[in-house]
Protein backbone atom coordinates (compact mmCIF):
# COMPACT_ATOMS: atom_id res chain seq x y z
CA UNK A 1 -48.27 -1.22 35.22
CA UNK A 2 -47.99 2.47 34.69
CA UNK A 3 -45.74 4.54 37.15
CA UNK A 4 -44.09 2.58 40.29
CA UNK A 5 -43.79 4.96 43.65
CA UNK A 6 -39.77 4.50 42.87
CA UNK A 7 -40.56 5.80 39.75
CA UNK A 8 -42.68 8.74 40.50
CA UNK A 9 -39.98 9.60 42.85
CA UNK A 10 -37.58 9.41 39.72
CA UNK A 11 -40.26 12.30 38.59
CA UNK A 12 -40.20 14.11 41.87
CA UNK A 13 -36.11 14.80 41.68
CA UNK A 14 -35.76 15.22 37.75
CA UNK A 15 -39.18 18.51 38.42
CA UNK A 16 -36.54 19.35 41.84
CA UNK A 17 -33.49 19.30 39.46
CA UNK A 18 -35.13 21.93 36.87
CA UNK A 19 -36.36 23.72 39.44
CA UNK A 20 -33.37 25.11 41.14
CA UNK A 21 -32.04 25.64 37.35
CA UNK A 22 -34.64 27.86 37.16
CA UNK A 23 -33.55 29.45 40.29
CA UNK A 24 -29.77 30.23 38.94
CA UNK A 25 -31.16 31.58 35.96
CA UNK A 26 -33.39 33.83 36.98
CA UNK A 27 -30.25 35.29 39.46
CA UNK A 28 -27.98 35.76 36.09
CA UNK A 29 -30.76 37.58 35.47
CA UNK A 30 -31.54 39.99 37.88
CA UNK A 31 -27.89 39.82 38.70
CA UNK A 32 -27.63 41.67 34.51
CA UNK A 33 -30.32 44.02 35.71
CA UNK A 34 -28.37 45.08 38.96
CA UNK A 35 -24.77 45.46 37.23
CA UNK A 36 -27.40 47.32 34.11
CA UNK A 37 -28.97 49.34 36.38
CA UNK A 38 -25.70 50.54 38.28
CA UNK A 39 -24.12 52.12 35.09
CA UNK A 40 -21.57 49.72 34.65
CA UNK A 41 -18.74 49.70 31.39
CA UNK A 42 -21.71 49.95 29.15
CA UNK A 43 -19.77 47.72 26.06
CA UNK A 44 -18.65 45.12 28.76
CA UNK A 45 -22.42 45.10 30.32
CA UNK A 46 -23.89 44.35 25.90
CA UNK A 47 -21.53 41.22 25.06
CA UNK A 48 -21.51 39.95 29.04
CA UNK A 49 -25.70 39.77 28.33
CA UNK A 50 -26.06 38.92 25.00
CA UNK A 51 -24.50 35.70 25.83
CA UNK A 52 -25.59 34.74 28.94
CA UNK A 53 -29.34 35.43 27.37
CA UNK A 54 -28.53 32.93 25.05
CA UNK A 55 -27.12 30.57 27.40
CA UNK A 56 -30.82 32.00 29.05
CA UNK A 57 -32.59 30.59 25.82
CA UNK A 58 -31.19 27.63 25.29
CA UNK A 59 -32.13 26.55 28.89
CA UNK A 60 -34.38 27.93 28.98
CA UNK A 61 -35.72 25.51 25.40
CA UNK A 62 -34.14 21.84 27.01
CA UNK A 63 -35.92 22.58 30.23
CA UNK A 64 -39.01 22.81 28.61
CA UNK A 65 -38.74 20.26 27.29
CA UNK A 66 -37.70 18.52 30.03
CA UNK A 67 -40.67 19.22 31.62
CA UNK A 68 -42.70 18.44 28.87
CA UNK A 69 -41.84 14.25 28.78
CA UNK A 70 -42.39 14.48 32.30
CA UNK A 71 -45.70 16.08 32.77
CA UNK A 72 -46.66 13.93 29.53
CA UNK A 73 -45.50 10.55 32.46
CA UNK A 74 -47.49 11.27 35.18
CA UNK A 75 -50.06 11.84 33.11
CA UNK A 76 -50.08 8.68 30.80
CA UNK A 77 -49.09 7.66 34.31
CA UNK A 78 -51.54 4.00 34.03
CA UNK A 79 -51.11 4.04 30.20
CA UNK A 80 -48.87 1.24 29.29
CA UNK A 81 -49.17 1.85 25.52
CA UNK A 82 -48.14 5.41 26.42
CA UNK A 83 -46.16 5.73 28.63
CA UNK A 84 -43.58 2.73 26.60
CA UNK A 85 -44.26 5.27 23.56
CA UNK A 86 -43.20 8.04 25.67
CA UNK A 87 -39.48 6.02 26.40
CA UNK A 88 -39.49 5.12 23.27
CA UNK A 89 -39.56 8.97 21.94
CA UNK A 90 -36.99 9.56 25.04
CA UNK A 91 -34.11 7.27 23.36
C-alpha cells in the first residue's frame, strides 16, 4: 500500500518543524558568537556557551534521528515490509 498522501504531508510537516528548530539553533549560535566578539563578561559567557552548546548538540542528535526516520520512510514509500519495520523500530 505504501505511504498515502496524508502520510507524506505529515512527513513534510515534520521536516518543516525540524527546519524551524534548526533555524533556532543557528540563531542562538549566532547570538553567542556575537556576544563573544563584543567582549561580554568572559566567565559568564563561557558558562552560558558551554550550557548552550550542550543543548545544541543534544538537539542536533535528536534532529538527525528524526530526519533519518523520515528519509527511510520516504525512500521506502512503496515497500510495505520496510515501512512496517520502520514503524516497529519507532515504537
